[in-house]
Amino acid sequence: MTDSSHHPFTPPPELLDALSSARRPLLIAHISPDGDAIGSLTALGYLLYRMGKDPILACQDKAPATFNFLPFYDRIVQNVDSERPDLVISLDSSDPTRMGGIYEEERFGDLPLIVIDHHVTNVYFGDINWVDPQCVATDQMIYYLTKALNEPLDETLATALLTGIVTDTRGFRTYNVTPAVMHVTGELIDAGAPLAMITERTLDTRSMALITLWGRALDTVELADGVISAMNTLAMRKDLGGIIRAEGLVSFILSAQEAKIAAVFTEMPDGKVECSFRARRGYDVSQIALNLGGGGHPPAAGCTVEGEIHAVRRMVVEMLKEEAKKKK
């Protein structure tokens, strides 16, 4: 097992070797994919295809239609039953459970597993691990990979890469945006990535169903001791055409002046509750998520907890209140 501690922003040589020798790599984005998951999946898939390889792009959950402008979006599959890859690459996942049902140990356990991820809570579960929390997005890492492979940036690749950076930084508003991020962004725009279109499609466009769900969930908002939270129940969305997550709501409720930490609890049909956390600068929700079996970054993390939604909310909010008490 190797890691990427040798130098920031530089993929390990053995990763480059593994990519070069692979012919049929399986790329896996995490469950409930966001812009960085789909952006890095399609960017790396397109890059490898351009290098003459035959990549399989997979994600357990269907990619949101928001991202249907990305290359190879229509090639993303939900199962790989009949495929036999020669390499597995996990993208934007901090632990193996995030790959969902796509990664089957009995089928793929004998294949080399590469992990490319930027989450500080990554558990280094690959044979080759390139983990760089200094990067704001896994797509930023794929940009550096493109450079390391001496591959040119074109408009198609740049668009996919910039999508992950824009979405994971909420439009360059997170406190981990550095001059290095803006340098990469400038190069991607130079290569033809349409920043205004990406921002509009991914951050400023919502379905009426999502707006309706926000409205219902906002009725459940509570604020206490610096922690603001809301619930998204099965009943709230029963008539909304299959929508599940109230995307963006957790960041919205954190905008309350009195809030230090925000949480949204989503009731799932299997008796579990998805917990999504956001924190203002100086507070760390990643360790709470990690302790509950999830992961993420200090300002943005999540986990899935078994139990009834009201009980899960009470328990987790108490944990978050302890973090909110810490003087920063």
C-alpha atoms as a PDB file:
ATOM      1  CA  MET A   1       0.000   0.000   0.000  1.00  0.00           C
ATOM      2  CA  THR A   2       1.309   3.420  -0.897  1.00  0.00           C
ATOM      3  CA  ASP A   3       0.246   6.953  -0.095  1.00  0.00           C
ATOM      4  CA  SER A   4       0.744  10.368  -1.595  1.00  0.00           C
ATOM      5  CA  SER A   5       2.628  12.046   1.234  1.00  0.00           C
ATOM      6  CA  HIS A   6       5.713  12.546  -0.951  1.00  0.00           C
ATOM      7  CA  HIS A   7       4.592  15.832  -2.487  1.00  0.00           C
ATOM      8  CA  PRO A   8       1.368  17.819  -2.632  1.00  0.00           C
ATOM      9  CA  PHE A   9      -0.406  18.158  -5.972  1.00  0.00           C
ATOM     10  CA  THR A  10       1.688  15.378  -7.522  1.00  0.00           C
ATOM     11  CA  PRO A  11       0.316  11.907  -8.262  1.00  0.00           C
ATOM     12  CA  PRO A  12       2.606   9.082  -7.117  1.00  0.00           C
ATOM     13  CA  PRO A  13       4.659   7.496  -9.929  1.00  0.00           C
ATOM     14  CA  GLU A  14       3.090   4.073  -9.340  1.00  0.00           C
ATOM     15  CA  LEU A  15      -0.342   5.594 -10.030  1.00  0.00           C
ATOM     16  CA  LEU A  16       0.875   6.901 -13.392  1.00  0.00           C
ATOM     17  CA  ASP A  17       2.356   3.476 -14.159  1.00  0.00           C
ATOM     18  CA  ALA A  18      -0.893   1.698 -13.271  1.00  0.00           C
ATOM     19  CA  LEU A  19      -2.928   4.029 -15.497  1.00  0.00           C
ATOM     20  CA  SER A  20      -0.495   3.622 -18.379  1.00  0.00           C
ATOM     21  CA  SER A  21      -0.630  -0.183 -18.306  1.00  0.00           C
ATOM     22  CA  ALA A  22      -4.412  -0.499 -17.819  1.00  0.00           C
ATOM     23  CA  ARG A  23      -6.633  -1.149 -20.819  1.00  0.00           C
ATOM     24  CA  ARG A  24     -10.102  -1.447 -19.243  1.00  0.00           C
ATOM     25  CA  PRO A  25     -10.172   0.593 -16.011  1.00  0.00           C
ATOM     26  CA  LEU A  26     -13.325   0.712 -13.873  1.00  0.00           C
ATOM     27  CA  LEU A  27     -13.962   4.194 -12.479  1.00  0.00           C
ATOM     28  CA  ILE A  28     -16.339   4.442  -9.505  1.00  0.00           C
ATOM     29  CA  ALA A  29     -17.936   7.640  -8.203  1.00  0.00           C
ATOM     30  CA  HIS A  30     -19.462   7.731  -4.730  1.00  0.00           C
ATOM     31  CA  ILE A  31     -23.105   7.094  -3.883  1.00  0.00           C
ATOM     32  CA  SER A  32     -25.413  10.137  -3.938  1.00  0.00           C
ATOM     33  CA  PRO A  33     -23.001  11.764  -6.384  1.00  0.00           C
ATOM     34  CA  ASP A  34     -22.371  15.498  -6.324  1.00  0.00           C
ATOM     35  CA  GLY A  35     -20.683  17.747  -8.872  1.00  0.00           C
ATOM     36  CA  ASP A  36     -17.163  16.742  -7.896  1.00  0.00           C
ATOM     37  CA  ALA A  37     -17.981  13.020  -8.003  1.00  0.00           C
ATOM     38  CA  ILE A  38     -19.568  13.252 -11.471  1.00  0.00           C
ATOM     39  CA  GLY A  39     -17.050  15.834 -12.653  1.00  0.00           C
ATOM     40  CA  SER A  40     -14.031  13.712 -11.706  1.00  0.00           C
ATOM     41  CA  LEU A  41     -15.692  10.528 -13.025  1.00  0.00           C
ATOM     42  CA  THR A  42     -16.411  12.030 -16.442  1.00  0.00           C
ATOM     43  CA  ALA A  43     -13.153  13.992 -16.602  1.00  0.00           C
ATOM     44  CA  LEU A  44     -10.969  10.962 -15.882  1.00  0.00           C
ATOM     45  CA  GLY A  45     -13.117   8.742 -18.095  1.00  0.00           C
ATOM     46  CA  TYR A  46     -12.761  11.179 -20.996  1.00  0.00           C
ATOM     47  CA  LEU A  47      -9.020  11.589 -20.348  1.00  0.00           C
ATOM     48  CA  LEU A  48      -8.403   7.831 -20.346  1.00  0.00           C
ATOM     49  CA  TYR A  49     -10.561   7.374 -23.446  1.00  0.00           C
ATOM     50  CA  ARG A  50      -8.526  10.045 -25.187  1.00  0.00           C
ATOM     51  CA  MET A  51      -5.400   8.086 -24.213  1.00  0.00           C
ATOM     52  CA  GLY A  52      -6.722   5.055 -26.113  1.00  0.00           C
ATOM     53  CA  LYS A  53      -8.202   3.135 -23.198  1.00  0.00           C
ATOM     54  CA  ASP A  54     -11.715   1.736 -22.758  1.00  0.00           C
ATOM     55  CA  PRO A  55     -12.900   2.984 -19.346  1.00  0.00           C
ATOM     56  CA  ILE A  56     -16.080   1.893 -17.559  1.00  0.00           C
ATOM     57  CA  LEU A  57     -17.762   4.786 -15.719  1.00  0.00           C
ATOM     58  CA  ALA A  58     -19.932   3.607 -12.824  1.00  0.00           C
ATOM     59  CA  CYS A  59     -21.971   4.985  -9.945  1.00  0.00           C
ATOM     60  CA  GLN A  60     -24.513   3.103  -7.830  1.00  0.00           C
ATOM     61  CA  ASP A  61     -26.921   6.055  -7.949  1.00  0.00           C
ATOM     62  CA  LYS A  62     -28.060   7.736 -11.137  1.00  0.00           C
ATOM     63  CA  ALA A  63     -26.171  10.933 -11.876  1.00  0.00           C
ATOM     64  CA  PRO A  64     -28.393  14.012 -11.427  1.00  0.00           C
ATOM     65  CA  ALA A  65     -29.629  15.496 -14.705  1.00  0.00           C
ATOM     66  CA  THR A  66     -28.033  18.761 -13.581  1.00  0.00           C
ATOM     67  CA  PHE A  67     -24.751  17.369 -14.904  1.00  0.00           C
ATOM     68  CA  ASN A  68     -25.954  16.053 -18.265  1.00  0.00           C
ATOM     69  CA  PHE A  69     -23.758  18.582 -20.083  1.00  0.00           C
ATOM     70  CA  LEU A  70     -20.634  16.709 -19.006  1.00  0.00           C
ATOM     71  CA  PRO A  71     -18.712  14.370 -21.331  1.00  0.00           C
ATOM     72  CA  PHE A  72     -19.628  10.691 -21.106  1.00  0.00           C
ATOM     73  CA  TYR A  73     -22.574  11.509 -18.814  1.00  0.00           C
ATOM     74  CA  ASP A  74     -24.694   9.076 -20.823  1.00  0.00           C
ATOM     75  CA  ARG A  75     -22.055   6.342 -20.433  1.00  0.00           C
ATOM     76  CA  ILE A  76     -22.309   6.197 -16.632  1.00  0.00           C
ATOM     77  CA  VAL A  77     -23.727   2.810 -15.615  1.00  0.00           C
ATOM     78  CA  GLN A  78     -25.409   1.658 -12.392  1.00  0.00           C
ATOM     79  CA  ASN A  79     -24.055  -1.887 -12.576  1.00  0.00           C
ATOM     80  CA  VAL A  80     -21.086  -3.649 -14.144  1.00  0.00           C
ATOM     81  CA  ASP A  81     -22.443  -7.185 -14.180  1.00  0.00           C
ATOM     82  CA  SER A  82     -20.964  -8.251 -17.503  1.00  0.00           C
ATOM     83  CA  GLU A  83     -17.743  -6.257 -17.388  1.00  0.00           C
ATOM     84  CA  ARG A  84     -14.261  -7.475 -16.547  1.00  0.00           C
ATOM     85  CA  PRO A  85     -11.949  -4.538 -15.835  1.00  0.00           C
ATOM     86  CA  ASP A  86      -8.199  -4.750 -15.223  1.00  0.00           C
ATOM     87  CA  LEU A  87      -7.971  -1.850 -12.733  1.00  0.00           C
ATOM     88  CA  VAL A  88     -10.356  -0.145 -10.268  1.00  0.00           C
ATOM     89  CA  ILE A  89     -10.217   3.586  -9.506  1.00  0.00           C
ATOM     90  CA  SER A  90     -12.246   5.044  -6.641  1.00  0.00           C
ATOM     91  CA  LEU A  91     -12.970   8.760  -7.063  1.00  0.00           C
ATOM     92  CA  ASP A  92     -13.921  11.254  -4.332  1.00  0.00           C
ATOM     93  CA  SER A  93     -14.671   8.483  -1.790  1.00  0.00           C
ATOM     94  CA  SER A  94     -13.179   8.590   1.706  1.00  0.00           C
ATOM     95  CA  ASP A  95     -13.883   4.928   2.494  1.00  0.00           C
ATOM     96  CA  PRO A  96     -14.897   1.798   0.555  1.00  0.00           C
ATOM     97  CA  THR A  97     -18.560   1.935   1.624  1.00  0.00           C
ATOM     98  CA  ARG A  98     -18.924   5.174  -0.367  1.00  0.00           C
ATOM     99  CA  MET A  99     -18.501   3.146  -3.563  1.00  0.00           C
ATOM    100  CA  GLY A 100     -21.777   1.402  -2.719  1.00  0.00           C
ATOM    101  CA  GLY A 101     -22.760  -1.815  -4.460  1.00  0.00           C
ATOM    102  CA  ILE A 102     -20.576  -1.193  -7.516  1.00  0.00           C
ATOM    103  CA  TYR A 103     -17.432  -2.444  -5.774  1.00  0.00           C
ATOM    104  CA  GLU A 104     -17.797  -6.150  -5.073  1.00  0.00           C
ATOM    105  CA  GLU A 105     -14.857  -7.554  -3.144  1.00  0.00           C
ATOM    106  CA  GLU A 106     -15.343 -11.086  -4.463  1.00  0.00           C
ATOM    107  CA  ARG A 107     -15.285  -9.860  -8.085  1.00  0.00           C
ATOM    108  CA  PHE A 108     -12.744  -7.070  -7.991  1.00  0.00           C
ATOM    109  CA  GLY A 109     -10.664  -7.769  -4.874  1.00  0.00           C
ATOM    110  CA  ASP A 110      -7.823  -9.258  -6.920  1.00  0.00           C
ATOM    111  CA  LEU A 111      -7.529  -6.128  -9.090  1.00  0.00           C
ATOM    112  CA  PRO A 112      -5.318  -3.161  -8.169  1.00  0.00           C
ATOM    113  CA  LEU A 113      -7.378  -0.466  -6.441  1.00  0.00           C
ATOM    114  CA  ILE A 114      -6.420   3.192  -6.852  1.00  0.00           C
ATOM    115  CA  VAL A 115      -7.911   5.806  -4.516  1.00  0.00           C
ATOM    116  CA  ILE A 116      -7.995   9.431  -5.692  1.00  0.00           C
ATOM    117  CA  ASP A 117      -9.611  11.687  -3.099  1.00  0.00           C
ATOM    118  CA  HIS A 118      -9.285  15.002  -1.253  1.00  0.00           C
ATOM    119  CA  HIS A 119     -11.173  14.264   1.989  1.00  0.00           C
ATOM    120  CA  VAL A 120      -9.180  14.668   5.200  1.00  0.00           C
ATOM    121  CA  THR A 121     -11.100  11.687   6.658  1.00  0.00           C
ATOM    122  CA  ASN A 122      -9.915   9.260   3.951  1.00  0.00           C
ATOM    123  CA  VAL A 123      -8.969   5.881   5.432  1.00  0.00           C
ATOM    124  CA  TYR A 124      -6.426   4.979   2.694  1.00  0.00           C
ATOM    125  CA  PHE A 125      -8.198   1.831   1.549  1.00  0.00           C
ATOM    126  CA  GLY A 126      -6.499   1.372  -1.816  1.00  0.00           C
ATOM    127  CA  ASP A 127      -3.363  -0.362  -3.039  1.00  0.00           C
ATOM    128  CA  ILE A 128      -2.296   3.044  -4.330  1.00  0.00           C
ATOM    129  CA  ASN A 129      -3.649   6.031  -2.407  1.00  0.00           C
ATOM    130  CA  TRP A 130      -3.418   9.571  -3.713  1.00  0.00           C
ATOM    131  CA  VAL A 131      -5.151  11.649  -1.058  1.00  0.00           C
ATOM    132  CA  ASP A 132      -4.638  15.403  -0.962  1.00  0.00           C
ATOM    133  CA  PRO A 133      -6.791  17.439   1.455  1.00  0.00           C
ATOM    134  CA  GLN A 134      -5.058  20.608   0.240  1.00  0.00           C
ATOM    135  CA  CYS A 135      -7.145  20.313  -2.918  1.00  0.00           C
ATOM    136  CA  VAL A 136     -10.661  21.761  -2.819  1.00  0.00           C
ATOM    137  CA  ALA A 137     -11.994  19.038  -5.107  1.00  0.00           C
ATOM    138  CA  THR A 138     -10.995  15.695  -6.562  1.00  0.00           C
ATOM    139  CA  ASP A 139     -11.345  17.448  -9.914  1.00  0.00           C
ATOM    140  CA  GLN A 140      -8.457  19.713  -8.923  1.00  0.00           C
ATOM    141  CA  MET A 141      -6.393  16.537  -8.470  1.00  0.00           C
ATOM    142  CA  ILE A 142      -7.447  15.241 -11.913  1.00  0.00           C
ATOM    143  CA  TYR A 143      -6.156  18.532 -13.331  1.00  0.00           C
ATOM    144  CA  TYR A 144      -2.734  17.796 -11.779  1.00  0.00           C
ATOM    145  CA  LEU A 145      -2.955  14.226 -13.055  1.00  0.00           C
ATOM    146  CA  THR A 146      -3.592  15.540 -16.567  1.00  0.00           C
ATOM    147  CA  LYS A 147      -0.452  17.662 -16.291  1.00  0.00           C
ATOM    148  CA  ALA A 148       1.595  14.760 -14.906  1.00  0.00           C
ATOM    149  CA  LEU A 149       0.516  12.616 -17.871  1.00  0.00           C
ATOM    150  CA  ASN A 150       1.544  15.431 -20.256  1.00  0.00           C
ATOM    151  CA  GLU A 151      -1.946  15.426 -21.686  1.00  0.00           C
ATOM    152  CA  PRO A 152      -3.409  18.641 -23.125  1.00  0.00           C
ATOM    153  CA  LEU A 153      -6.418  20.409 -21.658  1.00  0.00           C
ATOM    154  CA  ASP A 154      -9.267  20.834 -24.107  1.00  0.00           C
ATOM    155  CA  GLU A 155     -12.670  22.455 -23.619  1.00  0.00           C
ATOM    156  CA  THR A 156     -14.412  19.150 -22.875  1.00  0.00           C
ATOM    157  CA  LEU A 157     -11.963  18.080 -20.188  1.00  0.00           C
ATOM    158  CA  ALA A 158     -11.707  21.567 -18.692  1.00  0.00           C
ATOM    159  CA  THR A 159     -15.504  21.806 -18.387  1.00  0.00           C
ATOM    160  CA  ALA A 160     -15.717  18.583 -16.376  1.00  0.00           C
ATOM    161  CA  LEU A 161     -12.811  19.627 -14.142  1.00  0.00           C
ATOM    162  CA  LEU A 162     -14.192  23.084 -13.441  1.00  0.00           C
ATOM    163  CA  THR A 163     -17.607  21.625 -12.563  1.00  0.00           C
ATOM    164  CA  GLY A 164     -16.164  19.810  -9.550  1.00  0.00           C
ATOM    165  CA  ILE A 165     -14.216  22.844  -8.380  1.00  0.00           C
ATOM    166  CA  VAL A 166     -17.214  25.189  -8.708  1.00  0.00           C
ATOM    167  CA  THR A 167     -19.615  22.859  -6.900  1.00  0.00           C
ATOM    168  CA  ASP A 168     -17.313  21.774  -4.066  1.00  0.00           C
ATOM    169  CA  THR A 169     -16.372  25.400  -3.307  1.00  0.00           C
ATOM    170  CA  ARG A 170     -19.984  26.631  -3.717  1.00  0.00           C
ATOM    171  CA  GLY A 171     -18.817  29.071  -6.348  1.00  0.00           C
ATOM    172  CA  PHE A 172     -15.408  29.836  -4.743  1.00  0.00           C
ATOM    173  CA  ARG A 173     -16.999  30.786  -1.414  1.00  0.00           C
ATOM    174  CA  THR A 174     -15.390  28.197   0.867  1.00  0.00           C
ATOM    175  CA  TYR A 175     -12.427  29.187   3.006  1.00  0.00           C
ATOM    176  CA  ASN A 176     -10.080  26.605   1.451  1.00  0.00           C
ATOM    177  CA  VAL A 177     -10.006  28.480  -1.882  1.00  0.00           C
ATOM    178  CA  THR A 178      -6.365  29.447  -2.406  1.00  0.00           C
ATOM    179  CA  PRO A 179      -4.350  31.194  -5.124  1.00  0.00           C
ATOM    180  CA  ALA A 180      -3.487  27.687  -6.399  1.00  0.00           C
ATOM    181  CA  VAL A 181      -7.200  26.969  -6.903  1.00  0.00           C
ATOM    182  CA  MET A 182      -7.683  30.229  -8.764  1.00  0.00           C
ATOM    183  CA  HIS A 183      -4.627  29.497 -10.920  1.00  0.00           C
ATOM    184  CA  VAL A 184      -6.098  26.135 -11.918  1.00  0.00           C
ATOM    185  CA  THR A 185      -9.459  27.802 -12.552  1.00  0.00           C
ATOM    186  CA  GLY A 186      -7.823  30.381 -14.799  1.00  0.00           C
ATOM    187  CA  GLU A 187      -6.178  27.645 -16.863  1.00  0.00           C
ATOM    188  CA  LEU A 188      -9.475  25.776 -17.197  1.00  0.00           C
ATOM    189  CA  ILE A 189     -11.261  28.918 -18.368  1.00  0.00           C
ATOM    190  CA  ASP A 190      -8.404  29.569 -20.814  1.00  0.00           C
ATOM    191  CA  ALA A 191      -8.977  26.051 -22.157  1.00  0.00           C
ATOM    192  CA  GLY A 192     -12.623  26.873 -22.825  1.00  0.00           C
ATOM    193  CA  ALA A 193     -14.520  25.886 -19.673  1.00  0.00           C
ATOM    194  CA  PRO A 194     -17.665  28.069 -19.480  1.00  0.00           C
ATOM    195  CA  LEU A 195     -17.635  29.299 -15.872  1.00  0.00           C
ATOM    196  CA  ALA A 196     -20.911  31.245 -16.092  1.00  0.00           C
ATOM    197  CA  MET A 197     -22.811  28.301 -17.602  1.00  0.00           C
ATOM    198  CA  ILE A 198     -21.395  25.816 -15.069  1.00  0.00           C
ATOM    199  CA  THR A 199     -22.311  28.106 -12.163  1.00  0.00           C
ATOM    200  CA  GLU A 200     -25.827  28.686 -13.468  1.00  0.00           C
ATOM    201  CA  ARG A 201     -26.497  24.998 -14.185  1.00  0.00           C
ATOM    202  CA  THR A 202     -25.054  23.609 -10.953  1.00  0.00           C
ATOM    203  CA  LEU A 203     -25.658  26.296  -8.318  1.00  0.00           C
ATOM    204  CA  ASP A 204     -28.437  28.564  -9.574  1.00  0.00           C
ATOM    205  CA  THR A 205     -30.933  26.142 -11.136  1.00  0.00           C
ATOM    206  CA  ARG A 206     -33.457  24.099  -9.131  1.00  0.00           C
ATOM    207  CA  SER A 207     -36.531  22.074  -9.988  1.00  0.00           C
ATOM    208  CA  MET A 208     -39.922  23.134  -8.675  1.00  0.00           C
ATOM    209  CA  ALA A 209     -40.005  19.840  -6.762  1.00  0.00           C
ATOM    210  CA  LEU A 210     -36.780  20.770  -4.949  1.00  0.00           C
ATOM    211  CA  ILE A 211     -38.080  24.246  -4.114  1.00  0.00           C
ATOM    212  CA  THR A 212     -41.273  22.649  -2.753  1.00  0.00           C
ATOM    213  CA  LEU A 213     -39.219  20.219  -0.643  1.00  0.00           C
ATOM    214  CA  TRP A 214     -37.133  23.098   0.726  1.00  0.00           C
ATOM    215  CA  GLY A 215     -40.338  24.831   1.751  1.00  0.00           C
ATOM    216  CA  ARG A 216     -41.624  21.801   3.624  1.00  0.00           C
ATOM    217  CA  ALA A 217     -38.283  21.108   5.285  1.00  0.00           C
ATOM    218  CA  LEU A 218     -37.921  24.750   6.377  1.00  0.00           C
ATOM    219  CA  ASP A 219     -41.031  24.264   8.513  1.00  0.00           C
ATOM    220  CA  THR A 220     -38.934  21.919  10.688  1.00  0.00           C
ATOM    221  CA  VAL A 221     -35.991  24.278  11.250  1.00  0.00           C
ATOM    222  CA  GLU A 222     -34.758  24.565  14.838  1.00  0.00           C
ATOM    223  CA  LEU A 223     -31.865  26.637  16.195  1.00  0.00           C
ATOM    224  CA  ALA A 224     -30.278  26.043  19.590  1.00  0.00           C
ATOM    225  CA  ASP A 225     -26.797  26.705  21.001  1.00  0.00           C
ATOM    226  CA  GLY A 226     -25.378  27.635  17.604  1.00  0.00           C
ATOM    227  CA  VAL A 227     -26.694  24.530  15.807  1.00  0.00           C
ATOM    228  CA  ILE A 228     -29.424  24.911  13.196  1.00  0.00           C
ATOM    229  CA  SER A 229     -31.103  21.811  11.795  1.00  0.00           C
ATOM    230  CA  ALA A 230     -33.966  20.658   9.595  1.00  0.00           C
ATOM    231  CA  MET A 231     -35.607  17.386   8.578  1.00  0.00           C
ATOM    232  CA  ASN A 232     -36.491  15.933   5.185  1.00  0.00           C
ATOM    233  CA  THR A 233     -38.959  13.105   5.782  1.00  0.00           C
ATOM    234  CA  LEU A 234     -40.440  10.467   3.501  1.00  0.00           C
ATOM    235  CA  ALA A 235     -43.862  12.066   3.951  1.00  0.00           C
ATOM    236  CA  MET A 236     -42.593  15.457   2.788  1.00  0.00           C
ATOM    237  CA  ARG A 237     -41.549  14.153  -0.578  1.00  0.00           C
ATOM    238  CA  LYS A 238     -44.095  11.401  -1.286  1.00  0.00           C
ATOM    239  CA  ASP A 239     -45.762  13.448  -4.047  1.00  0.00           C
ATOM    240  CA  LEU A 240     -42.640  15.039  -5.516  1.00  0.00           C
ATOM    241  CA  GLY A 241     -41.780  12.556  -8.248  1.00  0.00           C
ATOM    242  CA  GLY A 242     -38.921  10.598  -6.746  1.00  0.00           C
ATOM    243  CA  ILE A 243     -36.810  13.456  -5.413  1.00  0.00           C
ATOM    244  CA  ILE A 244     -34.865  12.364  -2.324  1.00  0.00           C
ATOM    245  CA  ARG A 245     -32.396  14.967  -1.078  1.00  0.00           C
ATOM    246  CA  ALA A 246     -33.042  18.633  -0.367  1.00  0.00           C
ATOM    247  CA  GLU A 247     -29.842  19.621  -2.183  1.00  0.00           C
ATOM    248  CA  GLY A 248     -28.354  22.912  -1.018  1.00  0.00           C
ATOM    249  CA  LEU A 249     -30.641  23.296   1.983  1.00  0.00           C
ATOM    250  CA  VAL A 250     -27.949  22.686   4.591  1.00  0.00           C
ATOM    251  CA  SER A 251     -25.793  25.523   3.222  1.00  0.00           C
ATOM    252  CA  PHE A 252     -28.844  27.784   3.056  1.00  0.00           C
ATOM    253  CA  ILE A 253     -29.833  27.332   6.703  1.00  0.00           C
ATOM    254  CA  LEU A 254     -26.209  27.902   7.801  1.00  0.00           C
ATOM    255  CA  SER A 255     -26.652  31.442   6.466  1.00  0.00           C
ATOM    256  CA  ALA A 256     -28.653  32.245   9.622  1.00  0.00           C
ATOM    257  CA  GLN A 257     -26.551  34.796  11.523  1.00  0.00           C
ATOM    258  CA  GLU A 258     -26.880  32.905  14.798  1.00  0.00           C
ATOM    259  CA  ALA A 259     -25.764  29.557  13.353  1.00  0.00           C
ATOM    260  CA  LYS A 260     -22.284  28.086  13.696  1.00  0.00           C
ATOM    261  CA  ILE A 261     -23.130  24.568  12.468  1.00  0.00           C
ATOM    262  CA  ALA A 262     -25.984  23.322  10.270  1.00  0.00           C
ATOM    263  CA  ALA A 263     -27.444  19.844   9.764  1.00  0.00           C
ATOM    264  CA  VAL A 264     -30.129  18.378   7.526  1.00  0.00           C
ATOM    265  CA  PHE A 265     -31.532  14.931   8.342  1.00  0.00           C
ATOM    266  CA  THR A 266     -33.002  12.938   5.442  1.00  0.00           C
ATOM    267  CA  GLU A 267     -35.241   9.944   6.185  1.00  0.00           C
ATOM    268  CA  MET A 268     -34.542   7.000   3.882  1.00  0.00           C
ATOM    269  CA  PRO A 269     -36.880   4.081   3.087  1.00  0.00           C
ATOM    270  CA  ASP A 270     -34.513   1.518   4.668  1.00  0.00           C
ATOM    271  CA  GLY A 271     -34.847   2.846   8.216  1.00  0.00           C
ATOM    272  CA  LYS A 272     -31.690   4.930   8.021  1.00  0.00           C
ATOM    273  CA  VAL A 273     -31.136   8.667   8.152  1.00  0.00           C
ATOM    274  CA  GLU A 274     -28.689  10.557   5.977  1.00  0.00           C
ATOM    275  CA  CYS A 275     -27.038  13.393   7.898  1.00  0.00           C
ATOM    276  CA  SER A 276     -25.501  16.328   6.059  1.00  0.00           C
ATOM    277  CA  PHE A 277     -23.380  18.833   7.997  1.00  0.00           C
ATOM    278  CA  ARG A 278     -21.941  22.282   7.278  1.00  0.00           C
ATOM    279  CA  ALA A 279     -19.885  24.486   9.589  1.00  0.00           C
ATOM    280  CA  ARG A 280     -18.622  28.020   9.654  1.00  0.00           C
ATOM    281  CA  ARG A 281     -14.895  28.648   9.695  1.00  0.00           C
ATOM    282  CA  GLY A 282     -13.278  27.486  12.923  1.00  0.00           C
ATOM    283  CA  TYR A 283     -15.615  24.546  13.534  1.00  0.00           C
ATOM    284  CA  ASP A 284     -15.029  20.943  12.481  1.00  0.00           C
ATOM    285  CA  VAL A 285     -17.883  18.600  11.568  1.00  0.00           C
ATOM    286  CA  SER A 286     -15.673  16.005   9.885  1.00  0.00           C
ATOM    287  CA  GLN A 287     -14.737  14.166  13.083  1.00  0.00           C
ATOM    288  CA  ILE A 288     -18.354  13.851  14.211  1.00  0.00           C
ATOM    289  CA  ALA A 289     -19.230  12.448  10.800  1.00  0.00           C
ATOM    290  CA  LEU A 290     -16.266  10.070  10.989  1.00  0.00           C
ATOM    291  CA  ASN A 291     -17.307   8.875  14.464  1.00  0.00           C
ATOM    292  CA  LEU A 292     -20.757   8.090  13.036  1.00  0.00           C
ATOM    293  CA  GLY A 293     -19.324   6.072  10.152  1.00  0.00           C
ATOM    294  CA  GLY A 294     -19.107   8.852   7.581  1.00  0.00           C
ATOM    295  CA  GLY A 295     -16.540  11.440   6.640  1.00  0.00           C
ATOM    296  CA  GLY A 296     -15.791  14.655   4.832  1.00  0.00           C
ATOM    297  CA  HIS A 297     -14.059  17.955   5.537  1.00  0.00           C
ATOM    298  CA  PRO A 298     -14.052  20.234   8.603  1.00  0.00           C
ATOM    299  CA  PRO A 299     -16.603  22.601   6.991  1.00  0.00           C
ATOM    300  CA  ALA A 300     -18.685  19.976   5.153  1.00  0.00           C
ATOM    301  CA  ALA A 301     -19.272  16.342   6.053  1.00  0.00           C
ATOM    302  CA  GLY A 302     -21.919  13.676   6.280  1.00  0.00           C
ATOM    303  CA  CYS A 303     -22.865  10.202   7.449  1.00  0.00           C
ATOM    304  CA  THR A 304     -25.729   7.701   7.517  1.00  0.00           C
ATOM    305  CA  VAL A 305     -27.177   6.619  10.865  1.00  0.00           C
ATOM    306  CA  GLU A 306     -29.640   3.823  11.550  1.00  0.00           C
ATOM    307  CA  GLY A 307     -32.718   4.844  13.486  1.00  0.00           C
ATOM    308  CA  GLU A 308     -35.909   6.877  13.598  1.00  0.00           C
ATOM    309  CA  ILE A 309     -35.384  10.371  12.210  1.00  0.00           C
ATOM    310  CA  HIS A 310     -36.493  12.373  15.276  1.00  0.00           C
ATOM    311  CA  ALA A 311     -34.289  10.281  17.572  1.00  0.00           C
ATOM    312  CA  VAL A 312     -31.303  10.536  15.226  1.00  0.00           C
ATOM    313  CA  ARG A 313     -31.777  14.290  15.013  1.00  0.00           C
ATOM    314  CA  ARG A 314     -31.832  14.677  18.803  1.00  0.00           C
ATOM    315  CA  MET A 315     -28.726  12.533  19.288  1.00  0.00           C
ATOM    316  CA  VAL A 316     -26.651  14.103  16.529  1.00  0.00           C
ATOM    317  CA  VAL A 317     -27.632  17.696  17.328  1.00  0.00           C
ATOM    318  CA  GLU A 318     -26.334  17.170  20.877  1.00  0.00           C
ATOM    319  CA  MET A 319     -22.984  16.063  19.424  1.00  0.00           C
ATOM    320  CA  LEU A 320     -22.912  19.092  17.166  1.00  0.00           C
ATOM    321  CA  LYS A 321     -23.690  21.421  20.062  1.00  0.00           C
ATOM    322  CA  GLU A 322     -20.539  20.205  21.805  1.00  0.00           C
ATOM    323  CA  GLU A 323     -18.511  21.208  18.758  1.00  0.00           C
ATOM    324  CA  ALA A 324     -20.323  24.559  18.542  1.00  0.00           C
ATOM    325  CA  LYS A 325     -19.332  25.339  22.172  1.00  0.00           C
ATOM    326  CA  LYS A 326     -15.653  25.322  21.265  1.00  0.00           C
ATOM    327  CA  LYS A 327     -14.336  28.849  21.259  1.00  0.00           C
ATOM    328  CA  LYS A 328     -12.743  29.636  17.909  1.00  0.00           C
END
